Amino acid sequence: MKQLKEFTIPFVGLKLGKHHFEYQINKAFFEHFEYEEFNNSSVNVEVILDKKSTLLELDFNISGSVNINCDLTNEAFDQEITNHFNLVVNFGDEYNDEEIDILILPHGDYEINIQQYIYELIVLSVPTKRVHPGVEDGTLNSEILKKLEELSPKLKENKETEEDIDPRWNTLKKLLTDK
């Protein structure tokens, strides 16, 4: 996959200390990854890069909303998301990203691309079960909800009349009372 230039941070020319980077993520970002679950998105990403003499520490903070479809009604709604992630970038003989929060870059690398980390952080911030807030509080008026309610099994009342009970059970109940 082609790397987006605006997410490449050339750290070699930066002074030691903290450096702030901000990104505004929209639908075009996810189209680059061919991810079509979001109808739209408006997510702020703040990255704080703390450059130290032997390593880099990246602190990712995201907040915003993504427009997704409800799993029950397929109605679109804005889901608020927030997330936080820390990444330690160390230097070694070869590239290694096997650890979740540690990245090893080869000696001599002078930049890091963070687009994959931002993508994963946003996608993993969305709940697995996506339910429209109107479904939870009962304010959503949808044809699909009405149809689901109509087709749902009705609970039978607990009041059983003698006619509903099989007569063979009555004989068994007499055995219990005849002691």
C-alpha atoms as a PDB file:
ATOM      1  CA  MET A   1       0.000   0.000   0.000  1.00  0.00           C
ATOM      2  CA  LYS A   2       1.224   3.458  -0.875  1.00  0.00           C
ATOM      3  CA  GLN A   3       2.142   5.627   2.069  1.00  0.00           C
ATOM      4  CA  LEU A   4       0.504   9.015   2.451  1.00  0.00           C
ATOM      5  CA  LYS A   5       3.177  11.703   2.714  1.00  0.00           C
ATOM      6  CA  GLU A   6       1.405  13.840   5.305  1.00  0.00           C
ATOM      7  CA  PHE A   7       1.662  10.988   7.847  1.00  0.00           C
ATOM      8  CA  THR A   8       5.431  10.618   7.451  1.00  0.00           C
ATOM      9  CA  ILE A   9       7.389  12.270  10.244  1.00  0.00           C
ATOM     10  CA  PRO A  10      11.087  12.958   9.489  1.00  0.00           C
ATOM     11  CA  PHE A  11      12.470  12.696  13.016  1.00  0.00           C
ATOM     12  CA  VAL A  12      16.170  12.987  12.147  1.00  0.00           C
ATOM     13  CA  GLY A  13      16.098  16.796  11.937  1.00  0.00           C
ATOM     14  CA  LEU A  14      14.063  17.309  15.106  1.00  0.00           C
ATOM     15  CA  LYS A  15      15.612  18.480  18.356  1.00  0.00           C
ATOM     16  CA  LEU A  16      15.411  16.381  21.504  1.00  0.00           C
ATOM     17  CA  GLY A  17      12.128  16.927  23.313  1.00  0.00           C
ATOM     18  CA  LYS A  18       8.417  16.935  22.533  1.00  0.00           C
ATOM     19  CA  HIS A  19       6.939  17.774  19.148  1.00  0.00           C
ATOM     20  CA  HIS A  20       3.200  18.078  18.393  1.00  0.00           C
ATOM     21  CA  PHE A  21       1.491  16.919  15.210  1.00  0.00           C
ATOM     22  CA  GLU A  22      -2.224  17.221  14.447  1.00  0.00           C
ATOM     23  CA  TYR A  23      -4.235  15.512  11.740  1.00  0.00           C
ATOM     24  CA  GLN A  24      -7.863  15.784  10.640  1.00  0.00           C
ATOM     25  CA  ILE A  25      -9.102  12.406   9.381  1.00  0.00           C
ATOM     26  CA  ASN A  26     -12.000  12.249   6.925  1.00  0.00           C
ATOM     27  CA  LYS A  27     -13.547   9.692   4.581  1.00  0.00           C
ATOM     28  CA  ALA A  28     -10.753  10.023   1.980  1.00  0.00           C
ATOM     29  CA  PHE A  29      -8.285   8.571   4.499  1.00  0.00           C
ATOM     30  CA  PHE A  30     -10.341   5.384   4.816  1.00  0.00           C
ATOM     31  CA  GLU A  31     -10.854   5.156   1.061  1.00  0.00           C
ATOM     32  CA  HIS A  32      -7.069   4.936   0.778  1.00  0.00           C
ATOM     33  CA  PHE A  33      -7.248   1.793   2.946  1.00  0.00           C
ATOM     34  CA  GLU A  34     -10.314   0.537   0.989  1.00  0.00           C
ATOM     35  CA  TYR A  35     -12.299   0.494   4.237  1.00  0.00           C
ATOM     36  CA  GLU A  36     -15.971   1.126   3.545  1.00  0.00           C
ATOM     37  CA  GLU A  37     -17.624   0.637   6.943  1.00  0.00           C
ATOM     38  CA  PHE A  38     -17.772   4.378   7.644  1.00  0.00           C
ATOM     39  CA  ASN A  39     -20.198   6.630   5.756  1.00  0.00           C
ATOM     40  CA  ASN A  40     -18.219   9.665   6.859  1.00  0.00           C
ATOM     41  CA  SER A  41     -15.748  10.624   9.554  1.00  0.00           C
ATOM     42  CA  SER A  42     -14.475  13.638  11.387  1.00  0.00           C
ATOM     43  CA  VAL A  43     -11.689  12.575  13.727  1.00  0.00           C
ATOM     44  CA  ASN A  44      -8.968  14.704  15.291  1.00  0.00           C
ATOM     45  CA  VAL A  45      -5.664  12.942  15.838  1.00  0.00           C
ATOM     46  CA  GLU A  46      -3.043  14.490  18.070  1.00  0.00           C
ATOM     47  CA  VAL A  47       0.397  12.895  18.068  1.00  0.00           C
ATOM     48  CA  ILE A  48       3.075  13.923  20.527  1.00  0.00           C
ATOM     49  CA  LEU A  49       6.527  12.713  19.531  1.00  0.00           C
ATOM     50  CA  ASP A  50       9.027  12.747  22.370  1.00  0.00           C
ATOM     51  CA  LYS A  51      12.490  12.437  20.842  1.00  0.00           C
ATOM     52  CA  LYS A  52      15.123  11.094  23.196  1.00  0.00           C
ATOM     53  CA  SER A  53      18.753  10.307  22.493  1.00  0.00           C
ATOM     54  CA  THR A  54      18.239   6.563  21.884  1.00  0.00           C
ATOM     55  CA  LEU A  55      14.533   6.170  21.153  1.00  0.00           C
ATOM     56  CA  LEU A  56      11.275   7.871  20.199  1.00  0.00           C
ATOM     57  CA  GLU A  57       8.016   7.837  22.134  1.00  0.00           C
ATOM     58  CA  LEU A  58       4.799   8.519  20.240  1.00  0.00           C
ATOM     59  CA  ASP A  59       1.613   9.336  22.122  1.00  0.00           C
ATOM     60  CA  PHE A  60      -1.568   9.097  19.983  1.00  0.00           C
ATOM     61  CA  ASN A  61      -4.861  10.676  21.109  1.00  0.00           C
ATOM     62  CA  ILE A  62      -7.957  10.517  18.929  1.00  0.00           C
ATOM     63  CA  SER A  63     -11.375  12.069  19.382  1.00  0.00           C
ATOM     64  CA  GLY A  64     -14.263  12.750  17.053  1.00  0.00           C
ATOM     65  CA  SER A  65     -17.075  10.890  15.367  1.00  0.00           C
ATOM     66  CA  VAL A  66     -17.635   8.415  12.581  1.00  0.00           C
ATOM     67  CA  ASN A  67     -20.909   7.992  10.727  1.00  0.00           C
ATOM     68  CA  ILE A  68     -21.855   4.305  10.668  1.00  0.00           C
ATOM     69  CA  ASN A  69     -24.974   2.210  10.127  1.00  0.00           C
ATOM     70  CA  CYS A  70     -26.861   0.622  13.014  1.00  0.00           C
ATOM     71  CA  ASP A  71     -26.639  -3.179  13.160  1.00  0.00           C
ATOM     72  CA  LEU A  72     -30.359  -3.477  13.976  1.00  0.00           C
ATOM     73  CA  THR A  73     -32.046  -0.898  11.785  1.00  0.00           C
ATOM     74  CA  ASN A  74     -29.362   0.016   9.232  1.00  0.00           C
ATOM     75  CA  GLU A  75     -30.035   3.694  10.059  1.00  0.00           C
ATOM     76  CA  ALA A  76     -26.946   5.927   9.816  1.00  0.00           C
ATOM     77  CA  PHE A  77     -25.801   7.709  12.973  1.00  0.00           C
ATOM     78  CA  ASP A  78     -22.721   9.472  14.337  1.00  0.00           C
ATOM     79  CA  GLN A  79     -20.747   7.369  16.815  1.00  0.00           C
ATOM     80  CA  GLU A  80     -18.495   9.348  19.137  1.00  0.00           C
ATOM     81  CA  ILE A  81     -15.056   7.787  19.562  1.00  0.00           C
ATOM     82  CA  THR A  82     -12.011   8.462  21.711  1.00  0.00           C
ATOM     83  CA  ASN A  83      -8.864   6.416  22.137  1.00  0.00           C
ATOM     84  CA  HIS A  84      -5.272   6.625  23.316  1.00  0.00           C
ATOM     85  CA  PHE A  85      -2.161   4.667  22.302  1.00  0.00           C
ATOM     86  CA  ASN A  86       1.533   4.809  23.178  1.00  0.00           C
ATOM     87  CA  LEU A  87       4.227   3.568  20.815  1.00  0.00           C
ATOM     88  CA  VAL A  88       7.934   3.245  21.568  1.00  0.00           C
ATOM     89  CA  VAL A  89      10.243   3.360  18.565  1.00  0.00           C
ATOM     90  CA  ASN A  90      13.660   1.853  19.119  1.00  0.00           C
ATOM     91  CA  PHE A  91      16.529   1.261  16.721  1.00  0.00           C
ATOM     92  CA  GLY A  92      18.084  -2.107  15.866  1.00  0.00           C
ATOM     93  CA  ASP A  93      19.596  -4.188  13.096  1.00  0.00           C
ATOM     94  CA  GLU A  94      16.370  -4.782  11.180  1.00  0.00           C
ATOM     95  CA  TYR A  95      12.731  -3.668  11.020  1.00  0.00           C
ATOM     96  CA  ASN A  96      10.517  -5.444  13.577  1.00  0.00           C
ATOM     97  CA  ASP A  97       6.882  -4.673  14.433  1.00  0.00           C
ATOM     98  CA  GLU A  98       5.952  -7.953  16.133  1.00  0.00           C
ATOM     99  CA  GLU A  99       5.236  -6.264  19.460  1.00  0.00           C
ATOM    100  CA  ILE A 100       2.032  -4.241  19.781  1.00  0.00           C
ATOM    101  CA  ASP A 101       3.511  -1.118  21.316  1.00  0.00           C
ATOM    102  CA  ILE A 102       7.190  -1.399  20.328  1.00  0.00           C
ATOM    103  CA  LEU A 103       8.526  -0.716  16.834  1.00  0.00           C
ATOM    104  CA  ILE A 104      12.133  -1.373  15.925  1.00  0.00           C
ATOM    105  CA  LEU A 105      13.510   0.596  12.986  1.00  0.00           C
ATOM    106  CA  PRO A 106      16.861  -0.180  11.348  1.00  0.00           C
ATOM    107  CA  HIS A 107      19.788   2.096  12.203  1.00  0.00           C
ATOM    108  CA  GLY A 108      19.965   4.830   9.601  1.00  0.00           C
ATOM    109  CA  ASP A 109      16.198   5.301   9.139  1.00  0.00           C
ATOM    110  CA  TYR A 110      15.318   8.955   9.327  1.00  0.00           C
ATOM    111  CA  GLU A 111      11.501   8.974   9.176  1.00  0.00           C
ATOM    112  CA  ILE A 112       8.469   7.072  10.389  1.00  0.00           C
ATOM    113  CA  ASN A 113       5.062   6.730   8.749  1.00  0.00           C
ATOM    114  CA  ILE A 114       2.212   6.573  11.277  1.00  0.00           C
ATOM    115  CA  GLN A 115      -0.808   6.149   8.964  1.00  0.00           C
ATOM    116  CA  GLN A 116      -1.297   2.452   9.816  1.00  0.00           C
ATOM    117  CA  TYR A 117      -1.321   3.181  13.566  1.00  0.00           C
ATOM    118  CA  ILE A 118      -3.898   5.954  13.114  1.00  0.00           C
ATOM    119  CA  TYR A 119      -6.073   3.732  10.930  1.00  0.00           C
ATOM    120  CA  GLU A 120      -6.043   0.830  13.405  1.00  0.00           C
ATOM    121  CA  LEU A 121      -6.622   3.115  16.382  1.00  0.00           C
ATOM    122  CA  ILE A 122      -9.748   4.631  14.813  1.00  0.00           C
ATOM    123  CA  VAL A 123     -11.187   1.352  13.525  1.00  0.00           C
ATOM    124  CA  LEU A 124     -10.656  -0.372  16.875  1.00  0.00           C
ATOM    125  CA  SER A 125     -12.333   2.536  18.717  1.00  0.00           C
ATOM    126  CA  VAL A 126     -15.713   1.780  17.162  1.00  0.00           C
ATOM    127  CA  PRO A 127     -17.830  -0.617  19.277  1.00  0.00           C
ATOM    128  CA  THR A 128     -18.336  -4.091  17.846  1.00  0.00           C
ATOM    129  CA  LYS A 129     -22.095  -3.845  18.291  1.00  0.00           C
ATOM    130  CA  ARG A 130     -23.309  -0.657  16.652  1.00  0.00           C
ATOM    131  CA  VAL A 131     -26.695   0.353  18.021  1.00  0.00           C
ATOM    132  CA  HIS A 132     -28.376   3.648  17.139  1.00  0.00           C
ATOM    133  CA  PRO A 133     -28.919   5.768  20.292  1.00  0.00           C
ATOM    134  CA  GLY A 134     -32.592   6.115  19.320  1.00  0.00           C
ATOM    135  CA  VAL A 135     -33.041   2.343  19.577  1.00  0.00           C
ATOM    136  CA  GLU A 136     -31.674   2.289  23.120  1.00  0.00           C
ATOM    137  CA  ASP A 137     -33.852   5.114  24.429  1.00  0.00           C
ATOM    138  CA  GLY A 138     -36.889   4.285  22.284  1.00  0.00           C
ATOM    139  CA  THR A 139     -37.035   7.550  20.343  1.00  0.00           C
ATOM    140  CA  LEU A 140     -36.157   6.134  16.908  1.00  0.00           C
ATOM    141  CA  ASN A 141     -39.214   5.671  14.716  1.00  0.00           C
ATOM    142  CA  SER A 142     -38.212   3.184  12.035  1.00  0.00           C
ATOM    143  CA  GLU A 143     -40.101   0.794   9.767  1.00  0.00           C
ATOM    144  CA  ILE A 144     -37.509  -1.898  10.452  1.00  0.00           C
ATOM    145  CA  LEU A 145     -38.027  -1.622  14.227  1.00  0.00           C
ATOM    146  CA  LYS A 146     -41.797  -1.886  13.782  1.00  0.00           C
ATOM    147  CA  LYS A 147     -41.373  -4.995  11.634  1.00  0.00           C
ATOM    148  CA  LEU A 148     -38.963  -6.554  14.139  1.00  0.00           C
ATOM    149  CA  GLU A 149     -41.450  -5.925  16.948  1.00  0.00           C
ATOM    150  CA  GLU A 150     -44.255  -7.377  14.867  1.00  0.00           C
ATOM    151  CA  LEU A 151     -42.313 -10.544  14.063  1.00  0.00           C
ATOM    152  CA  SER A 152     -40.852 -11.093  17.532  1.00  0.00           C
ATOM    153  CA  PRO A 153     -42.301 -14.036  19.479  1.00  0.00           C
ATOM    154  CA  LYS A 154     -44.978 -13.022  21.965  1.00  0.00           C
ATOM    155  CA  LEU A 155     -44.537 -14.118  25.543  1.00  0.00           C
ATOM    156  CA  LYS A 156     -47.344 -16.274  26.834  1.00  0.00           C
ATOM    157  CA  GLU A 157     -48.951 -15.119  30.044  1.00  0.00           C
ATOM    158  CA  ASN A 158     -48.149 -17.151  33.140  1.00  0.00           C
ATOM    159  CA  LYS A 159     -51.809 -17.630  34.011  1.00  0.00           C
ATOM    160  CA  GLU A 160     -52.536 -21.124  32.838  1.00  0.00           C
ATOM    161  CA  THR A 161     -56.107 -22.259  32.801  1.00  0.00           C
ATOM    162  CA  GLU A 162     -57.176 -25.803  33.432  1.00  0.00           C
ATOM    163  CA  GLU A 163     -58.062 -26.141  29.758  1.00  0.00           C
ATOM    164  CA  ASP A 164     -54.477 -25.458  28.675  1.00  0.00           C
ATOM    165  CA  ILE A 165     -53.022 -28.182  30.925  1.00  0.00           C
ATOM    166  CA  ASP A 166     -52.822 -31.706  29.587  1.00  0.00           C
ATOM    167  CA  PRO A 167     -55.193 -33.894  31.678  1.00  0.00           C
ATOM    168  CA  ARG A 168     -52.469 -36.485  32.261  1.00  0.00           C
ATOM    169  CA  TRP A 169     -50.572 -33.938  34.380  1.00  0.00           C
ATOM    170  CA  ASN A 170     -53.587 -33.529  36.674  1.00  0.00           C
ATOM    171  CA  THR A 171     -53.403 -37.214  37.564  1.00  0.00           C
ATOM    172  CA  LEU A 172     -49.724 -36.878  38.368  1.00  0.00           C
ATOM    173  CA  LYS A 173     -50.403 -33.843  40.568  1.00  0.00           C
ATOM    174  CA  LYS A 174     -52.877 -35.949  42.607  1.00  0.00           C
ATOM    175  CA  LEU A 175     -50.043 -38.335  43.432  1.00  0.00           C
ATOM    176  CA  LEU A 176     -48.177 -35.487  45.089  1.00  0.00           C
ATOM    177  CA  THR A 177     -51.154 -34.481  47.241  1.00  0.00           C
ATOM    178  CA  ASP A 178     -52.242 -38.034  48.188  1.00  0.00           C
ATOM    179  CA  LYS A 179     -49.314 -38.657  50.549  1.00  0.00           C
END
